[in-house]
C-alpha cells in the first residue's frame, strides 16, 4: 500500500512564493503530527516509502473549508491559519494538510483538484 500527504492551498489570497511555501510547510508538519497520534503506522509507512507529497489548489476559503470538513472525518487534517505578520491578515485560513494516509484514501477527496 502506498502512502502520501496532500497539501491544499488557496489561490485567491495571491500569496508570494515564499509565503505559500511556508504555509505548506506548516500544513505538512501539523498534519503529520496529528496523524502520528491517531495512526502512527501510517506515518512510519509513509516515511519508509519516501514521504510522498502533492500540493494542490482551491480557489476560495469556502472550497478549502468544505474539503476540510469532509476529509477530517476520515483522515487527520490540519487547517492552517496565518499569524498575520507579513502578507495577509491574522487568522486567514491559508491551506490544509491531509495525512499522510493511504494514497487511495487521500485520492478519494483530492482526485478532482489541480496541482498548484
N, C-alpha and C. Protein backbone atom coordinates (compact mmCIF):
# COMPACT_ATOMS: atom_id res chain seq x y z
N UNK A 1 0.85 -1.18 0.00
CA UNK A 1 0.00 0.00 0.00
C UNK A 1 0.89 1.24 0.00
N UNK A 2 0.55 2.19 -0.86
CA UNK A 2 1.29 3.45 -0.93
C UNK A 2 0.65 4.48 -0.01
N UNK A 3 1.48 5.37 0.54
CA UNK A 3 1.01 6.44 1.42
C UNK A 3 1.46 7.77 0.86
N UNK A 4 0.64 8.80 1.06
CA UNK A 4 1.03 10.15 0.65
C UNK A 4 0.34 11.18 1.53
N UNK A 5 0.85 12.37 1.42
CA UNK A 5 0.28 13.52 2.10
C UNK A 5 -0.14 14.52 1.04
N UNK A 6 -1.26 15.19 1.27
CA UNK A 6 -1.70 16.24 0.35
C UNK A 6 -1.76 17.57 1.09
N UNK A 7 -1.29 18.60 0.43
CA UNK A 7 -1.39 19.97 0.93
C UNK A 7 -2.29 20.70 -0.07
N UNK A 8 -3.31 21.38 0.44
CA UNK A 8 -4.24 22.09 -0.43
C UNK A 8 -4.20 23.58 -0.05
N UNK A 9 -3.89 24.42 -1.05
CA UNK A 9 -3.63 25.85 -0.85
C UNK A 9 -4.68 26.70 -1.56
N UNK A 10 -5.07 27.77 -0.91
CA UNK A 10 -5.96 28.75 -1.54
C UNK A 10 -5.18 29.62 -2.51
N UNK A 11 -5.69 29.78 -3.73
CA UNK A 11 -5.03 30.64 -4.71
C UNK A 11 -5.58 32.06 -4.72
N UNK A 12 -6.77 32.26 -4.14
CA UNK A 12 -7.38 33.59 -4.15
C UNK A 12 -6.64 34.58 -3.26
N UNK A 13 -5.78 34.11 -2.37
CA UNK A 13 -5.05 35.00 -1.47
C UNK A 13 -3.86 35.67 -2.15
N UNK A 14 -3.45 35.12 -3.30
CA UNK A 14 -2.32 35.69 -4.07
C UNK A 14 -1.07 35.84 -3.20
N UNK A 15 -0.78 34.82 -2.38
CA UNK A 15 0.42 34.84 -1.54
C UNK A 15 1.66 34.72 -2.42
N UNK A 16 2.75 35.33 -1.99
CA UNK A 16 4.01 35.17 -2.69
C UNK A 16 4.50 33.73 -2.59
N UNK A 17 5.50 33.39 -3.39
CA UNK A 17 6.03 32.02 -3.40
C UNK A 17 6.58 31.60 -2.05
N UNK A 18 7.32 32.49 -1.40
CA UNK A 18 7.89 32.17 -0.10
C UNK A 18 6.82 31.98 0.95
N UNK A 19 5.81 32.84 0.94
CA UNK A 19 4.70 32.75 1.89
C UNK A 19 3.95 31.45 1.67
N UNK A 20 3.68 31.11 0.42
CA UNK A 20 2.99 29.86 0.10
C UNK A 20 3.80 28.66 0.58
N UNK A 21 5.10 28.69 0.34
CA UNK A 21 5.96 27.59 0.78
C UNK A 21 5.92 27.44 2.30
N UNK A 22 5.97 28.55 3.03
CA UNK A 22 5.93 28.49 4.49
C UNK A 22 4.60 27.93 4.98
N UNK A 23 3.50 28.36 4.37
CA UNK A 23 2.19 27.86 4.78
C UNK A 23 2.07 26.35 4.51
N UNK A 24 2.61 25.91 3.37
CA UNK A 24 2.60 24.48 3.05
C UNK A 24 3.43 23.69 4.05
N UNK A 25 4.56 24.26 4.47
CA UNK A 25 5.40 23.58 5.46
C UNK A 25 4.66 23.44 6.78
N UNK A 26 3.97 24.50 7.20
CA UNK A 26 3.16 24.42 8.42
C UNK A 26 2.12 23.31 8.31
N UNK A 27 1.44 23.26 7.18
CA UNK A 27 0.39 22.27 6.96
C UNK A 27 0.95 20.85 6.98
N UNK A 28 2.09 20.65 6.34
CA UNK A 28 2.71 19.33 6.29
C UNK A 28 3.06 18.83 7.68
N UNK A 29 3.73 19.67 8.45
CA UNK A 29 4.17 19.26 9.79
C UNK A 29 2.98 19.03 10.71
N UNK A 30 2.04 19.95 10.73
CA UNK A 30 0.89 19.82 11.65
C UNK A 30 0.04 18.59 11.31
N UNK A 31 -0.18 18.35 10.03
CA UNK A 31 -0.97 17.19 9.63
C UNK A 31 -0.24 15.89 9.98
N UNK A 32 1.07 15.86 9.78
CA UNK A 32 1.84 14.67 10.12
C UNK A 32 1.80 14.42 11.62
N UNK A 33 1.90 15.47 12.43
CA UNK A 33 1.84 15.31 13.88
C UNK A 33 0.48 14.78 14.32
N UNK A 34 -0.59 15.28 13.72
CA UNK A 34 -1.93 14.78 14.04
C UNK A 34 -2.07 13.30 13.65
N UNK A 35 -1.54 12.96 12.49
CA UNK A 35 -1.62 11.58 12.01
C UNK A 35 -0.82 10.66 12.92
N UNK A 36 0.32 11.13 13.37
CA UNK A 36 1.20 10.34 14.24
C UNK A 36 0.48 9.91 15.53
N UNK A 37 -0.40 10.75 16.02
CA UNK A 37 -1.16 10.43 17.25
C UNK A 37 -2.21 9.36 16.97
N UNK A 38 -2.95 9.53 15.89
CA UNK A 38 -4.08 8.64 15.61
C UNK A 38 -3.69 7.38 14.83
N UNK A 39 -2.76 7.52 13.88
CA UNK A 39 -2.35 6.39 13.02
C UNK A 39 -0.82 6.36 12.90
N UNK A 40 -0.11 6.04 13.97
CA UNK A 40 1.36 6.07 13.90
C UNK A 40 1.93 5.15 12.83
N UNK A 41 1.27 4.05 12.54
CA UNK A 41 1.75 3.14 11.49
C UNK A 41 1.72 3.80 10.11
N UNK A 42 0.73 4.65 9.87
CA UNK A 42 0.65 5.36 8.60
C UNK A 42 1.87 6.24 8.41
N UNK A 43 2.26 6.95 9.48
CA UNK A 43 3.41 7.85 9.38
C UNK A 43 4.68 7.05 9.12
N UNK A 44 4.85 5.94 9.81
CA UNK A 44 6.05 5.11 9.62
C UNK A 44 6.11 4.56 8.19
N UNK A 45 4.99 4.08 7.68
CA UNK A 45 4.96 3.56 6.31
C UNK A 45 5.25 4.66 5.30
N UNK A 46 4.72 5.83 5.55
CA UNK A 46 4.94 6.99 4.68
C UNK A 46 6.43 7.37 4.66
N UNK A 47 7.04 7.37 5.84
CA UNK A 47 8.47 7.68 5.92
C UNK A 47 9.31 6.64 5.18
N UNK A 48 8.97 5.38 5.36
CA UNK A 48 9.71 4.30 4.71
C UNK A 48 9.56 4.33 3.19
N UNK A 49 8.45 4.88 2.72
CA UNK A 49 8.20 4.88 1.27
C UNK A 49 8.59 6.20 0.59
N UNK A 50 9.28 7.10 1.30
CA UNK A 50 9.80 8.30 0.65
C UNK A 50 9.07 9.59 0.93
N UNK A 51 8.13 9.60 1.85
CA UNK A 51 7.37 10.80 2.26
C UNK A 51 6.74 11.56 1.08
N UNK A 52 6.05 10.83 0.23
CA UNK A 52 5.40 11.44 -0.94
C UNK A 52 4.41 12.52 -0.52
N UNK A 53 4.48 13.66 -1.22
CA UNK A 53 3.56 14.77 -1.00
C UNK A 53 3.08 15.29 -2.34
N UNK A 54 1.88 15.85 -2.33
CA UNK A 54 1.34 16.51 -3.51
C UNK A 54 0.74 17.83 -3.03
N UNK A 55 0.98 18.91 -3.80
CA UNK A 55 0.44 20.22 -3.44
C UNK A 55 -0.61 20.59 -4.49
N UNK A 56 -1.82 20.83 -3.99
CA UNK A 56 -2.98 21.07 -4.84
C UNK A 56 -3.56 22.44 -4.53
N UNK A 57 -4.54 22.86 -5.33
CA UNK A 57 -5.10 24.20 -5.13
C UNK A 57 -6.62 24.20 -5.14
N UNK A 58 -7.15 25.18 -4.40
CA UNK A 58 -8.57 25.54 -4.45
C UNK A 58 -8.61 27.05 -4.64
N UNK A 59 -9.75 27.56 -5.08
CA UNK A 59 -9.80 28.99 -5.41
C UNK A 59 -10.50 29.86 -4.37
N UNK A 60 -10.91 29.27 -3.23
CA UNK A 60 -11.61 30.09 -2.23
C UNK A 60 -11.56 29.46 -0.84
N UNK A 61 -11.84 30.28 0.15
CA UNK A 61 -11.94 29.80 1.53
C UNK A 61 -13.08 28.79 1.65
N UNK A 62 -14.18 29.06 0.96
CA UNK A 62 -15.34 28.16 1.00
C UNK A 62 -14.94 26.75 0.54
N UNK A 63 -14.25 26.66 -0.58
CA UNK A 63 -13.80 25.36 -1.08
C UNK A 63 -12.87 24.67 -0.09
N UNK A 64 -11.96 25.44 0.47
CA UNK A 64 -11.00 24.88 1.43
C UNK A 64 -11.72 24.31 2.64
N UNK A 65 -12.66 25.07 3.19
CA UNK A 65 -13.36 24.63 4.39
C UNK A 65 -14.30 23.45 4.12
N UNK A 66 -14.93 23.43 2.97
CA UNK A 66 -15.77 22.28 2.61
C UNK A 66 -14.93 21.01 2.53
N UNK A 67 -13.78 21.10 1.90
CA UNK A 67 -12.89 19.95 1.80
C UNK A 67 -12.40 19.53 3.19
N UNK A 68 -11.99 20.48 3.99
CA UNK A 68 -11.52 20.20 5.35
C UNK A 68 -12.59 19.44 6.14
N UNK A 69 -13.81 19.90 6.09
CA UNK A 69 -14.91 19.26 6.85
C UNK A 69 -15.15 17.83 6.38
N UNK A 70 -15.03 17.58 5.09
CA UNK A 70 -15.22 16.22 4.56
C UNK A 70 -14.08 15.29 4.98
N UNK A 71 -12.87 15.74 4.76
CA UNK A 71 -11.70 14.89 4.95
C UNK A 71 -11.44 14.56 6.42
N UNK A 72 -11.62 15.54 7.31
CA UNK A 72 -11.23 15.35 8.71
C UNK A 72 -12.01 14.23 9.41
N UNK A 73 -13.12 13.81 8.83
CA UNK A 73 -13.90 12.71 9.40
C UNK A 73 -13.19 11.37 9.24
N UNK A 74 -12.29 11.30 8.27
CA UNK A 74 -11.64 10.03 7.93
C UNK A 74 -10.11 10.05 8.02
N UNK A 75 -9.52 11.21 7.80
CA UNK A 75 -8.06 11.34 7.78
C UNK A 75 -7.67 12.53 8.67
N UNK A 76 -6.65 12.38 9.52
CA UNK A 76 -6.19 13.55 10.28
C UNK A 76 -5.81 14.68 9.32
N UNK A 77 -6.37 15.86 9.60
CA UNK A 77 -6.22 17.00 8.69
C UNK A 77 -5.98 18.26 9.50
N UNK A 78 -5.06 19.09 9.06
CA UNK A 78 -4.73 20.34 9.74
C UNK A 78 -5.18 21.53 8.92
N UNK A 79 -5.89 22.44 9.56
CA UNK A 79 -6.29 23.70 8.94
C UNK A 79 -5.34 24.78 9.43
N UNK A 80 -4.66 25.44 8.50
CA UNK A 80 -3.65 26.43 8.85
C UNK A 80 -4.23 27.84 8.77
N UNK A 81 -4.01 28.58 9.84
CA UNK A 81 -4.41 29.99 9.91
C UNK A 81 -3.14 30.82 10.04
N UNK A 82 -3.05 31.88 9.26
CA UNK A 82 -1.84 32.70 9.26
C UNK A 82 -1.76 33.56 10.52
N UNK A 83 -0.53 33.82 10.95
CA UNK A 83 -0.28 34.66 12.13
C UNK A 83 -0.43 36.15 11.82
N UNK A 84 -0.42 36.52 10.54
CA UNK A 84 -0.64 37.91 10.17
C UNK A 84 0.56 38.81 10.29
N UNK A 85 1.74 38.25 10.24
CA UNK A 85 2.95 39.07 10.40
C UNK A 85 3.44 39.69 9.10
N UNK A 86 3.00 39.17 7.96
CA UNK A 86 3.54 39.70 6.70
C UNK A 86 2.46 40.07 5.71
N UNK A 87 2.09 39.16 4.83
CA UNK A 87 1.28 39.50 3.66
C UNK A 87 -0.23 39.48 3.86
N UNK A 88 -0.70 38.71 4.81
CA UNK A 88 -2.16 38.57 4.95
C UNK A 88 -2.59 38.75 6.39
N UNK A 89 -3.88 38.97 6.57
CA UNK A 89 -4.46 39.28 7.87
C UNK A 89 -4.38 38.08 8.83
N UNK A 90 -4.17 38.37 10.09
CA UNK A 90 -4.11 37.33 11.12
C UNK A 90 -5.40 36.51 11.13
N UNK A 91 -5.23 35.20 11.21
CA UNK A 91 -6.38 34.30 11.27
C UNK A 91 -6.86 33.82 9.91
N UNK A 92 -6.31 34.35 8.83
CA UNK A 92 -6.72 33.93 7.50
C UNK A 92 -6.40 32.45 7.30
N UNK A 93 -7.38 31.70 6.84
CA UNK A 93 -7.21 30.27 6.57
C UNK A 93 -6.52 30.12 5.21
N UNK A 94 -5.30 29.61 5.22
CA UNK A 94 -4.49 29.59 4.00
C UNK A 94 -4.46 28.24 3.30
N UNK A 95 -4.43 27.15 4.07
CA UNK A 95 -4.29 25.83 3.46
C UNK A 95 -4.63 24.74 4.46
N UNK A 96 -4.71 23.51 3.95
CA UNK A 96 -4.88 22.35 4.81
C UNK A 96 -3.82 21.31 4.47
N UNK A 97 -3.46 20.54 5.47
CA UNK A 97 -2.59 19.39 5.28
C UNK A 97 -3.42 18.14 5.56
N UNK A 98 -3.31 17.17 4.69
CA UNK A 98 -4.09 15.93 4.80
C UNK A 98 -3.12 14.76 4.94
N UNK A 99 -3.21 14.05 6.07
CA UNK A 99 -2.41 12.86 6.27
C UNK A 99 -0.98 13.13 6.67
N UNK A 100 -0.14 12.14 6.45
CA UNK A 100 -0.16 11.09 5.43
C UNK A 100 -1.20 10.01 5.73
N UNK A 101 -1.65 9.40 4.64
CA UNK A 101 -2.67 8.36 4.70
C UNK A 101 -2.51 7.46 3.47
N UNK A 102 -3.20 6.33 3.46
CA UNK A 102 -3.15 5.52 2.24
C UNK A 102 -3.54 6.35 1.02
N UNK A 103 -2.78 6.18 -0.05
CA UNK A 103 -2.96 7.00 -1.25
C UNK A 103 -4.39 6.97 -1.78
N UNK A 104 -5.01 5.81 -1.80
CA UNK A 104 -6.38 5.71 -2.32
C UNK A 104 -7.36 6.50 -1.47
N UNK A 105 -7.10 6.60 -0.17
CA UNK A 105 -7.96 7.37 0.73
C UNK A 105 -7.79 8.87 0.49
N UNK A 106 -6.57 9.31 0.33
CA UNK A 106 -6.30 10.73 0.03
C UNK A 106 -6.93 11.09 -1.32
N UNK A 107 -6.74 10.22 -2.31
CA UNK A 107 -7.27 10.48 -3.65
C UNK A 107 -8.80 10.54 -3.67
N UNK A 108 -9.44 9.83 -2.77
CA UNK A 108 -10.91 9.85 -2.67
C UNK A 108 -11.43 11.28 -2.53
N UNK A 109 -10.66 12.12 -1.84
CA UNK A 109 -11.08 13.51 -1.59
C UNK A 109 -10.40 14.54 -2.49
N UNK A 110 -9.28 14.19 -3.07
CA UNK A 110 -8.48 15.20 -3.78
C UNK A 110 -8.31 14.95 -5.27
N UNK A 111 -8.83 13.86 -5.80
CA UNK A 111 -8.55 13.49 -7.20
C UNK A 111 -9.02 14.53 -8.21
N UNK A 112 -10.01 15.34 -7.88
CA UNK A 112 -10.52 16.35 -8.81
C UNK A 112 -9.75 17.67 -8.75
N UNK A 113 -8.88 17.82 -7.78
CA UNK A 113 -8.13 19.08 -7.61
C UNK A 113 -6.93 19.13 -8.55
N UNK A 114 -6.57 20.32 -8.95
CA UNK A 114 -5.43 20.56 -9.83
C UNK A 114 -4.18 20.81 -8.99
N UNK A 115 -3.01 20.50 -9.59
CA UNK A 115 -1.74 20.79 -8.95
C UNK A 115 -1.54 22.30 -8.85
N UNK A 116 -0.86 22.72 -7.78
CA UNK A 116 -0.59 24.14 -7.59
C UNK A 116 0.38 24.65 -8.64
